[in-house]
PDB file of all heavy atoms in Angstrom:
ATOM      1  N   GLY A   1     109.347 132.463 -32.618  1.00  0.00           N
ATOM      2  CA  GLY A   1     109.505 133.701 -32.027  1.00  0.00           C
ATOM      3  C   GLY A   1     110.916 134.264 -32.134  1.00  0.00           C
ATOM      4  O   GLY A   1     111.149 135.463 -32.455  1.00  0.00           O
ATOM      5  N   LEU A   2     111.937 133.403 -31.904  1.00  0.00           N
ATOM      6  CA  LEU A   2     113.285 133.818 -31.957  1.00  0.00           C
ATOM      7  C   LEU A   2     113.727 134.287 -33.359  1.00  0.00           C
ATOM      8  O   LEU A   2     114.531 135.148 -33.532  1.00  0.00           O
ATOM      9  CB  LEU A   2     114.209 132.668 -31.501  1.00  0.00           C
ATOM     10  CG  LEU A   2     115.664 132.911 -31.472  1.00  0.00           C
ATOM     11  CD1 LEU A   2     116.042 134.022 -30.436  1.00  0.00           C
ATOM     12  CD2 LEU A   2     116.441 131.631 -31.113  1.00  0.00           C
ATOM     13  N   SER A   3     113.170 133.617 -34.407  1.00  0.00           N
ATOM     14  CA  SER A   3     113.568 133.868 -35.767  1.00  0.00           C
ATOM     15  C   SER A   3     113.396 135.389 -36.167  1.00  0.00           C
ATOM     16  O   SER A   3     114.175 135.923 -36.940  1.00  0.00           O
ATOM     17  CB  SER A   3     112.776 133.027 -36.755  1.00  0.00           C
ATOM     18  OG  SER A   3     111.406 133.392 -36.787  1.00  0.00           O
ATOM     19  N   LEU A   4     112.368 136.045 -35.584  1.00  0.00           N
ATOM     20  CA  LEU A   4     112.131 137.405 -35.953  1.00  0.00           C
ATOM     21  C   LEU A   4     113.188 138.365 -35.384  1.00  0.00           C
ATOM     22  O   LEU A   4     113.197 139.559 -35.821  1.00  0.00           O
ATOM     23  CB  LEU A   4     110.715 137.810 -35.441  1.00  0.00           C
ATOM     24  CG  LEU A   4     109.591 137.105 -36.112  1.00  0.00           C
ATOM     25  CD1 LEU A   4     108.312 137.294 -35.385  1.00  0.00           C
ATOM     26  CD2 LEU A   4     109.420 137.706 -37.551  1.00  0.00           C
ATOM     27  N   PHE A   5     114.028 137.891 -34.563  1.00  0.00           N
ATOM     28  CA  PHE A   5     115.024 138.810 -33.873  1.00  0.00           C
ATOM     29  C   PHE A   5     116.450 138.448 -34.334  1.00  0.00           C
ATOM     30  O   PHE A   5     117.450 138.951 -33.731  1.00  0.00           O
ATOM     31  CB  PHE A   5     114.952 138.672 -32.356  1.00  0.00           C
ATOM     32  CG  PHE A   5     113.629 139.229 -31.827  1.00  0.00           C
ATOM     33  CD1 PHE A   5     112.548 138.314 -31.727  1.00  0.00           C
ATOM     34  CD2 PHE A   5     113.493 140.544 -31.459  1.00  0.00           C
ATOM     35  CE1 PHE A   5     111.324 138.850 -31.270  1.00  0.00           C
ATOM     36  CE2 PHE A   5     112.254 140.995 -31.014  1.00  0.00           C
ATOM     37  CZ  PHE A   5     111.159 140.113 -30.870  1.00  0.00           C
ATOM     38  N   LEU A   6     116.610 137.634 -35.384  1.00  0.00           N
ATOM     39  CA  LEU A   6     117.963 137.190 -35.732  1.00  0.00           C
ATOM     40  C   LEU A   6     118.454 137.744 -37.006  1.00  0.00           C
ATOM     41  O   LEU A   6     119.301 137.188 -37.691  1.00  0.00           O
ATOM     42  CB  LEU A   6     117.911 135.600 -35.889  1.00  0.00           C
ATOM     43  CG  LEU A   6     117.629 134.878 -34.568  1.00  0.00           C
ATOM     44  CD1 LEU A   6     117.665 133.346 -34.857  1.00  0.00           C
ATOM     45  CD2 LEU A   6     118.742 135.201 -33.573  1.00  0.00           C
ATOM     46  N   SER A   7     118.057 138.951 -37.348  1.00  0.00           N
ATOM     47  CA  SER A   7     118.594 139.612 -38.535  1.00  0.00           C
ATOM     48  C   SER A   7     118.643 141.128 -38.278  1.00  0.00           C
ATOM     49  O   SER A   7     117.761 141.689 -37.631  1.00  0.00           O
ATOM     50  CB  SER A   7     117.729 139.333 -39.815  1.00  0.00           C
ATOM     51  OG  SER A   7     118.228 140.047 -40.932  1.00  0.00           O
ATOM     52  N   ARG A   8     119.657 141.762 -38.842  1.00  0.00           N
ATOM     53  CA  ARG A   8     119.769 143.213 -38.786  1.00  0.00           C
ATOM     54  C   ARG A   8     119.174 143.832 -40.061  1.00  0.00           C
ATOM     55  O   ARG A   8     119.209 145.056 -40.168  1.00  0.00           O
ATOM     56  CB  ARG A   8     121.234 143.645 -38.631  1.00  0.00           C
ATOM     57  CG  ARG A   8     121.819 143.255 -37.287  1.00  0.00           C
ATOM     58  CD  ARG A   8     123.257 143.699 -37.153  1.00  0.00           C
ATOM     59  NE  ARG A   8     123.832 143.441 -35.869  1.00  0.00           N
ATOM     60  CZ  ARG A   8     123.722 144.268 -34.784  1.00  0.00           C
ATOM     61  NH1 ARG A   8     123.138 145.406 -34.915  1.00  0.00           N
ATOM     62  NH2 ARG A   8     124.269 143.890 -33.680  1.00  0.00           N
ATOM     63  N   SER A   9     118.691 143.030 -40.952  1.00  0.00           N
ATOM     64  CA  SER A   9     118.117 143.526 -42.195  1.00  0.00           C
ATOM     65  C   SER A   9     116.630 143.658 -42.049  1.00  0.00           C
ATOM     66  O   SER A   9     115.876 142.638 -41.839  1.00  0.00           O
ATOM     67  CB  SER A   9     118.477 142.560 -43.341  1.00  0.00           C
ATOM     68  OG  SER A   9     117.705 142.836 -44.475  1.00  0.00           O
ATOM     69  N   LYS A  10     116.121 144.849 -42.190  1.00  0.00           N
ATOM     70  CA  LYS A  10     114.675 145.120 -42.146  1.00  0.00           C
ATOM     71  C   LYS A  10     114.008 144.354 -43.275  1.00  0.00           C
ATOM     72  O   LYS A  10     112.897 143.819 -43.199  1.00  0.00           O
ATOM     73  CB  LYS A  10     114.423 146.578 -42.209  1.00  0.00           C
ATOM     74  CG  LYS A  10     114.797 147.360 -40.991  1.00  0.00           C
ATOM     75  CD  LYS A  10     114.455 148.856 -41.111  1.00  0.00           C
ATOM     76  CE  LYS A  10     114.945 149.608 -39.894  1.00  0.00           C
ATOM     77  NZ  LYS A  10     114.650 151.093 -39.999  1.00  0.00           N
ATOM     78  N   HIS A  11     114.655 144.367 -44.501  1.00  0.00           N
ATOM     79  CA  HIS A  11     114.138 143.680 -45.630  1.00  0.00           C
ATOM     80  C   HIS A  11     113.916 142.166 -45.349  1.00  0.00           C
ATOM     81  O   HIS A  11     112.818 141.653 -45.631  1.00  0.00           O
ATOM     82  CB  HIS A  11     115.077 143.853 -46.840  1.00  0.00           C
ATOM     83  CG  HIS A  11     114.816 142.955 -47.969  1.00  0.00           C
ATOM     84  ND1 HIS A  11     113.853 143.234 -48.933  1.00  0.00           N
ATOM     85  CD2 HIS A  11     115.298 141.715 -48.300  1.00  0.00           C
ATOM     86  CE1 HIS A  11     113.856 142.279 -49.816  1.00  0.00           C
ATOM     87  NE2 HIS A  11     114.690 141.366 -49.477  1.00  0.00           N
ATOM     88  N   ARG A  12     114.901 141.529 -44.801  1.00  0.00           N
ATOM     89  CA  ARG A  12     114.725 140.106 -44.548  1.00  0.00           C
ATOM     90  C   ARG A  12     113.701 139.833 -43.475  1.00  0.00           C
ATOM     91  O   ARG A  12     112.919 138.839 -43.597  1.00  0.00           O
ATOM     92  CB  ARG A  12     116.107 139.542 -44.078  1.00  0.00           C
ATOM     93  CG  ARG A  12     117.169 139.431 -45.276  1.00  0.00           C
ATOM     94  CD  ARG A  12     118.474 138.921 -44.770  1.00  0.00           C
ATOM     95  NE  ARG A  12     118.366 137.475 -44.363  1.00  0.00           N
ATOM     96  CZ  ARG A  12     118.489 136.478 -45.227  1.00  0.00           C
ATOM     97  NH1 ARG A  12     118.643 136.706 -46.522  1.00  0.00           N
ATOM     98  NH2 ARG A  12     118.431 135.226 -44.826  1.00  0.00           N
ATOM     99  N   ILE A  13     113.679 140.638 -42.458  1.00  0.00           N
ATOM    100  CA  ILE A  13     112.623 140.439 -41.435  1.00  0.00           C
ATOM    101  C   ILE A  13     111.206 140.614 -41.978  1.00  0.00           C
ATOM    102  O   ILE A  13     110.322 139.785 -41.729  1.00  0.00           O
ATOM    103  CB  ILE A  13     112.804 141.465 -40.245  1.00  0.00           C
ATOM    104  CG1 ILE A  13     114.115 141.105 -39.499  1.00  0.00           C
ATOM    105  CG2 ILE A  13     111.674 141.428 -39.282  1.00  0.00           C
ATOM    106  CD1 ILE A  13     114.555 142.197 -38.509  1.00  0.00           C
ATOM    107  N   ASP A  14     111.041 141.610 -42.849  1.00  0.00           N
ATOM    108  CA  ASP A  14     109.710 141.840 -43.458  1.00  0.00           C
ATOM    109  C   ASP A  14     109.326 140.640 -44.358  1.00  0.00           C
ATOM    110  O   ASP A  14     108.193 140.208 -44.375  1.00  0.00           O
ATOM    111  CB  ASP A  14     109.711 143.126 -44.266  1.00  0.00           C
ATOM    112  CG  ASP A  14     109.739 144.352 -43.320  1.00  0.00           C
ATOM    113  OD1 ASP A  14     109.534 144.274 -42.121  1.00  0.00           O
ATOM    114  OD2 ASP A  14     110.059 145.485 -43.925  1.00  0.00           O
ATOM    115  N   ARG A  15     110.286 140.171 -45.145  1.00  0.00           N
ATOM    116  CA  ARG A  15     109.997 139.032 -46.041  1.00  0.00           C
ATOM    117  C   ARG A  15     109.734 137.822 -45.276  1.00  0.00           C
ATOM    118  O   ARG A  15     108.820 137.011 -45.582  1.00  0.00           O
ATOM    119  CB  ARG A  15     111.135 138.812 -47.031  1.00  0.00           C
ATOM    120  CG  ARG A  15     111.332 139.938 -48.045  1.00  0.00           C
ATOM    121  CD  ARG A  15     110.243 139.921 -49.093  1.00  0.00           C
ATOM    122  NE  ARG A  15     110.249 140.997 -50.046  1.00  0.00           N
ATOM    123  CZ  ARG A  15     111.027 140.962 -51.152  1.00  0.00           C
ATOM    124  NH1 ARG A  15     111.709 139.931 -51.445  1.00  0.00           N
ATOM    125  NH2 ARG A  15     110.988 141.990 -51.957  1.00  0.00           N
ATOM    126  N   HIS A  16     110.491 137.539 -44.174  1.00  0.00           N
ATOM    127  CA  HIS A  16     110.230 136.381 -43.349  1.00  0.00           C
ATOM    128  C   HIS A  16     108.840 136.446 -42.672  1.00  0.00           C
ATOM    129  O   HIS A  16     108.110 135.422 -42.715  1.00  0.00           O
ATOM    130  CB  HIS A  16     111.327 136.296 -42.303  1.00  0.00           C
ATOM    131  CG  HIS A  16     111.192 135.172 -41.359  1.00  0.00           C
ATOM    132  ND1 HIS A  16     111.035 133.828 -41.751  1.00  0.00           N
ATOM    133  CD2 HIS A  16     111.120 135.106 -39.948  1.00  0.00           C
ATOM    134  CE1 HIS A  16     110.950 133.042 -40.672  1.00  0.00           C
ATOM    135  NE2 HIS A  16     110.965 133.799 -39.591  1.00  0.00           N
ATOM    136  N   ALA A  17     108.482 137.554 -42.250  1.00  0.00           N
ATOM    137  CA  ALA A  17     107.200 137.753 -41.604  1.00  0.00           C
ATOM    138  C   ALA A  17     106.061 137.619 -42.629  1.00  0.00           C
ATOM    139  O   ALA A  17     105.044 137.035 -42.342  1.00  0.00           O
ATOM    140  CB  ALA A  17     107.105 139.123 -40.957  1.00  0.00           C
ATOM    141  N   ALA A  18     106.330 138.035 -43.825  1.00  0.00           N
ATOM    142  CA  ALA A  18     105.334 137.857 -44.929  1.00  0.00           C
ATOM    143  C   ALA A  18     105.114 136.402 -45.194  1.00  0.00           C
ATOM    144  O   ALA A  18     104.000 135.955 -45.517  1.00  0.00           O
ATOM    145  CB  ALA A  18     105.794 138.594 -46.143  1.00  0.00           C
ATOM    146  N   ARG A  19     106.145 135.596 -45.171  1.00  0.00           N
ATOM    147  CA  ARG A  19     106.021 134.169 -45.310  1.00  0.00           C
ATOM    148  C   ARG A  19     105.094 133.575 -44.272  1.00  0.00           C
ATOM    149  O   ARG A  19     104.263 132.745 -44.481  1.00  0.00           O
ATOM    150  CB  ARG A  19     107.379 133.492 -45.319  1.00  0.00           C
ATOM    151  CG  ARG A  19     108.324 133.750 -46.550  1.00  0.00           C
ATOM    152  CD  ARG A  19     109.646 133.072 -46.320  1.00  0.00           C
ATOM    153  NE  ARG A  19     110.529 133.314 -47.538  1.00  0.00           N
ATOM    154  CZ  ARG A  19     111.720 132.726 -47.617  1.00  0.00           C
ATOM    155  NH1 ARG A  19     112.203 132.003 -46.587  1.00  0.00           N
ATOM    156  NH2 ARG A  19     112.420 132.822 -48.756  1.00  0.00           N
ATOM    157  N   LEU A  20     105.478 133.930 -43.003  1.00  0.00           N
ATOM    158  CA  LEU A  20     104.720 133.407 -41.852  1.00  0.00           C
ATOM    159  C   LEU A  20     103.248 133.814 -41.936  1.00  0.00           C
ATOM    160  O   LEU A  20     102.338 133.008 -41.690  1.00  0.00           O
ATOM    161  CB  LEU A  20     105.339 133.913 -40.572  1.00  0.00           C
ATOM    162  CG  LEU A  20     106.780 133.496 -40.280  1.00  0.00           C
ATOM    163  CD1 LEU A  20     107.304 134.197 -39.020  1.00  0.00           C
ATOM    164  CD2 LEU A  20     106.908 131.962 -40.082  1.00  0.00           C
ATOM    165  N   LEU A  21     102.939 135.054 -42.322  1.00  0.00           N
ATOM    166  CA  LEU A  21     101.636 135.589 -42.458  1.00  0.00           C
ATOM    167  C   LEU A  21     100.890 134.852 -43.587  1.00  0.00           C
ATOM    168  O   LEU A  21      99.689 134.463 -43.362  1.00  0.00           O
ATOM    169  CB  LEU A  21     101.653 137.055 -42.711  1.00  0.00           C
ATOM    170  CG  LEU A  21     100.395 137.905 -42.441  1.00  0.00           C
ATOM    171  CD1 LEU A  21     100.030 137.809 -40.983  1.00  0.00           C
ATOM    172  CD2 LEU A  21     100.692 139.315 -42.843  1.00  0.00           C
ATOM    173  N   THR A  22     101.530 134.668 -44.688  1.00  0.00           N
ATOM    174  CA  THR A  22     100.923 133.953 -45.820  1.00  0.00           C
ATOM    175  C   THR A  22     100.587 132.548 -45.462  1.00  0.00           C
ATOM    176  O   THR A  22      99.454 132.070 -45.779  1.00  0.00           O
ATOM    177  CB  THR A  22     101.844 133.942 -47.032  1.00  0.00           C
ATOM    178  OG1 THR A  22     102.196 135.327 -47.403  1.00  0.00           O
ATOM    179  CG2 THR A  22     101.175 133.321 -48.215  1.00  0.00           C
ATOM    180  N   ALA A  23     101.420 131.830 -44.816  1.00  0.00           N
ATOM    181  CA  ALA A  23     101.155 130.482 -44.369  1.00  0.00           C
ATOM    182  C   ALA A  23      99.959 130.470 -43.463  1.00  0.00           C
ATOM    183  O   ALA A  23      99.101 129.519 -43.578  1.00  0.00           O
ATOM    184  CB  ALA A  23     102.413 129.883 -43.722  1.00  0.00           C
ATOM    185  N   GLN A  24      99.874 131.349 -42.545  1.00  0.00           N
ATOM    186  CA  GLN A  24      98.812 131.407 -41.601  1.00  0.00           C
ATOM    187  C   GLN A  24      97.436 131.568 -42.302  1.00  0.00           C
ATOM    188  O   GLN A  24      96.447 130.828 -42.075  1.00  0.00           O
ATOM    189  CB  GLN A  24      98.972 132.574 -40.634  1.00  0.00           C
ATOM    190  CG  GLN A  24      97.940 132.689 -39.518  1.00  0.00           C
ATOM    191  CD  GLN A  24      97.974 131.562 -38.488  1.00  0.00           C
ATOM    192  OE1 GLN A  24      99.056 130.936 -38.316  1.00  0.00           O
ATOM    193  NE2 GLN A  24      96.877 131.232 -37.879  1.00  0.00           N
ATOM    194  N   PHE A  25      97.367 132.552 -43.187  1.00  0.00           N
ATOM    195  CA  PHE A  25      96.064 132.831 -43.835  1.00  0.00           C
ATOM    196  C   PHE A  25      95.722 131.713 -44.818  1.00  0.00           C
ATOM    197  O   PHE A  25      94.487 131.314 -44.909  1.00  0.00           O
ATOM    198  CB  PHE A  25      96.139 134.179 -44.626  1.00  0.00           C
ATOM    199  CG  PHE A  25      95.919 135.325 -43.710  1.00  0.00           C
ATOM    200  CD1 PHE A  25      96.957 136.313 -43.561  1.00  0.00           C
ATOM    201  CD2 PHE A  25      94.778 135.491 -43.015  1.00  0.00           C
ATOM    202  CE1 PHE A  25      96.732 137.439 -42.667  1.00  0.00           C
ATOM    203  CE2 PHE A  25      94.546 136.601 -42.198  1.00  0.00           C
ATOM    204  CZ  PHE A  25      95.518 137.595 -42.024  1.00  0.00           C
ATOM    205  N   VAL A  26      96.627 131.209 -45.533  1.00  0.00           N
ATOM    206  CA  VAL A  26      96.271 130.080 -46.544  1.00  0.00           C
ATOM    207  C   VAL A  26      95.868 128.892 -45.753  1.00  0.00           C
ATOM    208  O   VAL A  26      94.829 128.231 -46.115  1.00  0.00           O
ATOM    209  CB  VAL A  26      97.484 129.826 -47.442  1.00  0.00           C
ATOM    210  CG1 VAL A  26      97.166 128.595 -48.351  1.00  0.00           C
ATOM    211  CG2 VAL A  26      97.750 131.047 -48.299  1.00  0.00           C
ATOM    212  N   ALA A  27      96.580 128.468 -44.701  1.00  0.00           N
ATOM    213  CA  ALA A  27      96.259 127.269 -43.988  1.00  0.00           C
ATOM    214  C   ALA A  27      94.886 127.452 -43.314  1.00  0.00           C
ATOM    215  O   ALA A  27      94.016 126.524 -43.426  1.00  0.00           O
ATOM    216  CB  ALA A  27      97.307 127.036 -42.916  1.00  0.00           C
ATOM    217  N   VAL A  28      94.622 128.559 -42.673  1.00  0.00           N
ATOM    218  CA  VAL A  28      93.274 128.782 -41.977  1.00  0.00           C
ATOM    219  C   VAL A  28      92.169 128.796 -43.063  1.00  0.00           C
ATOM    220  O   VAL A  28      91.094 128.187 -42.805  1.00  0.00           O
ATOM    221  CB  VAL A  28      93.297 130.059 -41.241  1.00  0.00           C
ATOM    222  CG1 VAL A  28      91.899 130.401 -40.783  1.00  0.00           C
ATOM    223  CG2 VAL A  28      94.201 129.911 -39.976  1.00  0.00           C
ATOM    224  N   ALA A  29      92.367 129.328 -44.214  1.00  0.00           N
ATOM    225  CA  ALA A  29      91.418 129.345 -45.228  1.00  0.00           C
ATOM    226  C   ALA A  29      91.092 127.863 -45.630  1.00  0.00           C
ATOM    227  O   ALA A  29      89.954 127.483 -45.850  1.00  0.00           O
ATOM    228  CB  ALA A  29      91.868 130.101 -46.525  1.00  0.00           C
ATOM    229  N   CYS A  30      92.115 127.000 -45.759  1.00  0.00           N
ATOM    230  CA  CYS A  30      91.917 125.608 -46.092  1.00  0.00           C
ATOM    231  C   CYS A  30      91.102 124.902 -44.961  1.00  0.00           C
ATOM    232  O   CYS A  30      90.323 124.032 -45.238  1.00  0.00           O
ATOM    233  CB  CYS A  30      93.287 124.954 -46.362  1.00  0.00           C
ATOM    234  SG  CYS A  30      94.075 125.401 -47.852  1.00  0.00           S
ATOM    235  N   PHE A  31      91.503 125.189 -43.731  1.00  0.00           N
ATOM    236  CA  PHE A  31      90.806 124.588 -42.589  1.00  0.00           C
ATOM    237  C   PHE A  31      89.255 124.922 -42.588  1.00  0.00           C
ATOM    238  O   PHE A  31      88.442 124.114 -42.212  1.00  0.00           O
ATOM    239  CB  PHE A  31      91.355 125.082 -41.268  1.00  0.00           C
ATOM    240  CG  PHE A  31      92.829 124.816 -41.003  1.00  0.00           C
ATOM    241  CD1 PHE A  31      93.632 125.569 -40.173  1.00  0.00           C
ATOM    242  CD2 PHE A  31      93.425 123.727 -41.715  1.00  0.00           C
ATOM    243  CE1 PHE A  31      94.964 125.293 -39.981  1.00  0.00           C
ATOM    244  CE2 PHE A  31      94.785 123.441 -41.560  1.00  0.00           C
ATOM    245  CZ  PHE A  31      95.513 124.226 -40.677  1.00  0.00           C
ATOM    246  N   VAL A  32      88.953 126.166 -43.027  1.00  0.00           N
ATOM    247  CA  VAL A  32      87.573 126.576 -43.063  1.00  0.00           C
ATOM    248  C   VAL A  32      86.856 125.940 -44.254  1.00  0.00           C
ATOM    249  O   VAL A  32      85.710 125.457 -44.134  1.00  0.00           O
ATOM    250  CB  VAL A  32      87.434 128.127 -43.128  1.00  0.00           C
ATOM    251  CG1 VAL A  32      86.052 128.556 -43.402  1.00  0.00           C
ATOM    252  CG2 VAL A  32      87.996 128.738 -41.830  1.00  0.00           C
ATOM    253  N   VAL A  33      87.473 125.943 -45.432  1.00  0.00           N
ATOM    254  CA  VAL A  33      86.868 125.410 -46.641  1.00  0.00           C
ATOM    255  C   VAL A  33      86.744 123.906 -46.612  1.00  0.00           C
ATOM    256  O   VAL A  33      85.757 123.347 -47.026  1.00  0.00           O
ATOM    257  CB  VAL A  33      87.627 125.942 -47.889  1.00  0.00           C
ATOM    258  CG1 VAL A  33      87.038 125.243 -49.203  1.00  0.00           C
ATOM    259  CG2 VAL A  33      87.449 127.416 -47.973  1.00  0.00           C
ATOM    260  N   TRP A  34      87.819 123.257 -46.097  1.00  0.00           N
ATOM    261  CA  TRP A  34      87.913 121.776 -46.133  1.00  0.00           C
ATOM    262  C   TRP A  34      88.345 121.311 -44.746  1.00  0.00           C
ATOM    263  O   TRP A  34      89.435 120.810 -44.608  1.00  0.00           O
ATOM    264  CB  TRP A  34      88.907 121.393 -47.243  1.00  0.00           C
ATOM    265  CG  TRP A  34      88.997 119.889 -47.504  1.00  0.00           C
ATOM    266  CD1 TRP A  34      87.903 119.025 -47.607  1.00  0.00           C
ATOM    267  CD2 TRP A  34      90.111 119.100 -47.823  1.00  0.00           C
ATOM    268  NE1 TRP A  34      88.351 117.788 -47.889  1.00  0.00           N
ATOM    269  CE2 TRP A  34      89.684 117.828 -48.014  1.00  0.00           C
ATOM    270  CE3 TRP A  34      91.504 119.430 -47.912  1.00  0.00           C
ATOM    271  CZ2 TRP A  34      90.570 116.766 -48.348  1.00  0.00           C
ATOM    272  CZ3 TRP A  34      92.383 118.393 -48.232  1.00  0.00           C
ATOM    273  CH2 TRP A  34      91.910 117.114 -48.405  1.00  0.00           C
ATOM    274  N   PRO A  35      87.456 121.369 -43.765  1.00  0.00           N
ATOM    275  CA  PRO A  35      87.875 120.916 -42.409  1.00  0.00           C
ATOM    276  C   PRO A  35      88.029 119.398 -42.413  1.00  0.00           C
ATOM    277  O   PRO A  35      87.204 118.690 -43.056  1.00  0.00           O
ATOM    278  CB  PRO A  35      86.691 121.341 -41.547  1.00  0.00           C
ATOM    279  CG  PRO A  35      85.543 121.471 -42.489  1.00  0.00           C
ATOM    280  CD  PRO A  35      86.121 121.886 -43.796  1.00  0.00           C
ATOM    281  N   LEU A  36      88.964 118.886 -41.689  1.00  0.00           N
ATOM    282  CA  LEU A  36      89.225 117.494 -41.493  1.00  0.00           C
ATOM    283  C   LEU A  36      89.306 117.193 -40.057  1.00  0.00           C
ATOM    284  O   LEU A  36      89.648 118.014 -39.230  1.00  0.00           O
ATOM    285  CB  LEU A  36      90.541 117.041 -42.216  1.00  0.00           C
ATOM    286  CG  LEU A  36      90.489 117.156 -43.778  1.00  0.00           C
ATOM    287  CD1 LEU A  36      91.923 116.791 -44.339  1.00  0.00           C
ATOM    288  CD2 LEU A  36      89.495 116.133 -44.350  1.00  0.00           C
ATOM    289  N   HIS A  37      89.202 115.909 -39.719  1.00  0.00           N
ATOM    290  CA  HIS A  37      89.168 115.450 -38.262  1.00  0.00           C
ATOM    291  C   HIS A  37      90.208 114.403 -38.072  1.00  0.00           C
ATOM    292  O   HIS A  37      90.428 113.516 -38.951  1.00  0.00           O
ATOM    293  CB  HIS A  37      87.790 114.847 -37.946  1.00  0.00           C
ATOM    294  CG  HIS A  37      87.699 114.299 -36.578  1.00  0.00           C
ATOM    295  ND1 HIS A  37      87.587 112.967 -36.266  1.00  0.00           N
ATOM    296  CD2 HIS A  37      87.704 114.920 -35.423  1.00  0.00           C
ATOM    297  CE1 HIS A  37      87.524 112.778 -34.970  1.00  0.00           C
ATOM    298  NE2 HIS A  37      87.631 113.990 -34.410  1.00  0.00           N
ATOM    299  N   PHE A  38      91.001 114.534 -37.003  1.00  0.00           N
ATOM    300  CA  PHE A  38      91.999 113.483 -36.634  1.00  0.00           C
ATOM    301  C   PHE A  38      91.206 112.368 -35.995  1.00  0.00           C
ATOM    302  O   PHE A  38      90.496 112.603 -35.004  1.00  0.00           O
ATOM    303  CB  PHE A  38      93.026 114.028 -35.739  1.00  0.00           C
ATOM    304  CG  PHE A  38      94.172 113.058 -35.439  1.00  0.00           C
ATOM    305  CD1 PHE A  38      95.188 112.857 -36.374  1.00  0.00           C
ATOM    306  CD2 PHE A  38      94.134 112.351 -34.285  1.00  0.00           C
ATOM    307  CE1 PHE A  38      96.173 111.920 -36.142  1.00  0.00           C
ATOM    308  CE2 PHE A  38      95.184 111.411 -33.995  1.00  0.00           C
ATOM    309  CZ  PHE A  38      96.179 111.198 -34.937  1.00  0.00           C
ATOM    310  N   SER A  39      91.436 111.051 -36.390  1.00  0.00           N
ATOM    311  CA  SER A  39      90.562 109.986 -36.026  1.00  0.00           C
ATOM    312  C   SER A  39      91.101 109.096 -34.890  1.00  0.00           C
ATOM    313  O   SER A  39      90.352 108.224 -34.438  1.00  0.00           O
ATOM    314  CB  SER A  39      90.276 109.106 -37.247  1.00  0.00           C
ATOM    315  OG  SER A  39      91.476 108.571 -37.789  1.00  0.00           O
ATOM    316  N   PHE A  40      92.359 109.319 -34.450  1.00  0.00           N
ATOM    317  CA  PHE A  40      92.925 108.413 -33.449  1.00  0.00           C
ATOM    318  C   PHE A  40      92.616 109.029 -32.041  1.00  0.00           C
ATOM    319  O   PHE A  40      92.701 110.258 -31.918  1.00  0.00           O
ATOM    320  CB  PHE A  40      94.396 108.214 -33.563  1.00  0.00           C
ATOM    321  CG  PHE A  40      94.875 107.534 -34.841  1.00  0.00           C
ATOM    322  CD1 PHE A  40      96.206 107.492 -35.145  1.00  0.00           C
ATOM    323  CD2 PHE A  40      93.953 106.952 -35.630  1.00  0.00           C
ATOM    324  CE1 PHE A  40      96.606 106.889 -36.303  1.00  0.00           C
ATOM    325  CE2 PHE A  40      94.352 106.355 -36.862  1.00  0.00           C
ATOM    326  CZ  PHE A  40      95.730 106.329 -37.150  1.00  0.00           C
ATOM    327  N   GLY A  41      92.363 108.166 -31.047  1.00  0.00           N
ATOM    328  CA  GLY A  41      92.365 108.661 -29.740  1.00  0.00           C
ATOM    329  C   GLY A  41      93.790 108.897 -29.209  1.00  0.00           C
ATOM    330  O   GLY A  41      94.669 108.018 -29.453  1.00  0.00           O
ATOM    331  N   GLN A  42      94.022 109.958 -28.493  1.00  0.00           N
ATOM    332  CA  GLN A  42      95.357 110.228 -27.979  1.00  0.00           C
ATOM    333  C   GLN A  42      95.588 109.636 -26.628  1.00  0.00           C
ATOM    334  O   GLN A  42      94.853 109.926 -25.681  1.00  0.00           O
ATOM    335  CB  GLN A  42      95.576 111.762 -27.896  1.00  0.00           C
ATOM    336  CG  GLN A  42      96.981 112.202 -27.990  1.00  0.00           C
ATOM    337  CD  GLN A  42      97.051 113.706 -28.083  1.00  0.00           C
ATOM    338  OE1 GLN A  42      96.632 114.464 -27.152  1.00  0.00           O
ATOM    339  NE2 GLN A  42      97.479 114.226 -29.229  1.00  0.00           N
ATOM    340  N   PRO A  43      96.557 108.699 -26.491  1.00  0.00           N
ATOM    341  CA  PRO A  43      96.841 108.030 -25.195  1.00  0.00           C
ATOM    342  C   PRO A  43      97.212 109.079 -24.124  1.00  0.00           C
ATOM    343  O   PRO A  43      97.648 110.180 -24.447  1.00  0.00           O
ATOM    344  CB  PRO A  43      97.964 107.047 -25.470  1.00  0.00           C
ATOM    345  CG  PRO A  43      97.907 106.870 -26.929  1.00  0.00           C
ATOM    346  CD  PRO A  43      97.450 108.167 -27.507  1.00  0.00           C
ATOM    347  N   GLU A  44      97.056 108.639 -22.849  1.00  0.00           N
ATOM    348  CA  GLU A  44      97.458 109.529 -21.736  1.00  0.00           C
ATOM    349  C   GLU A  44      98.954 109.691 -21.644  1.00  0.00           C
ATOM    350  O   GLU A  44      99.698 108.705 -21.886  1.00  0.00           O
ATOM    351  CB  GLU A  44      96.920 108.877 -20.438  1.00  0.00           C
ATOM    352  CG  GLU A  44      96.948 109.843 -19.248  1.00  0.00           C
ATOM    353  CD  GLU A  44      96.014 111.038 -19.358  1.00  0.00           C
ATOM    354  OE1 GLU A  44      95.023 110.927 -20.084  1.00  0.00           O
ATOM    355  OE2 GLU A  44      96.380 112.092 -18.788  1.00  0.00           O
ATOM    356  N   ALA A  45      99.396 110.902 -21.389  1.00  0.00           N
ATOM    357  CA  ALA A  45     100.810 111.185 -21.209  1.00  0.00           C
ATOM    358  C   ALA A  45     101.019 111.698 -19.775  1.00  0.00           C
ATOM    359  O   ALA A  45     100.110 112.314 -19.186  1.00  0.00           O
ATOM    360  CB  ALA A  45     101.308 112.167 -22.222  1.00  0.00           C
TER     361      ALA A  45
END
C-alpha cells in the first residue's frame, strides 16, 4: 500500500500499478487453471 504513494511521477506510479495488476491477473489465472493444495497441517500459534 505504501509503495503507491512514494513517487511524484505519474508515469512511475502507473507502471508500478500495471506490474501489480498484471501479477494479480496472471497468478489468479494460474490458480484457476492449475489449482494446487498445501499438504502440511499448520501448528497452533
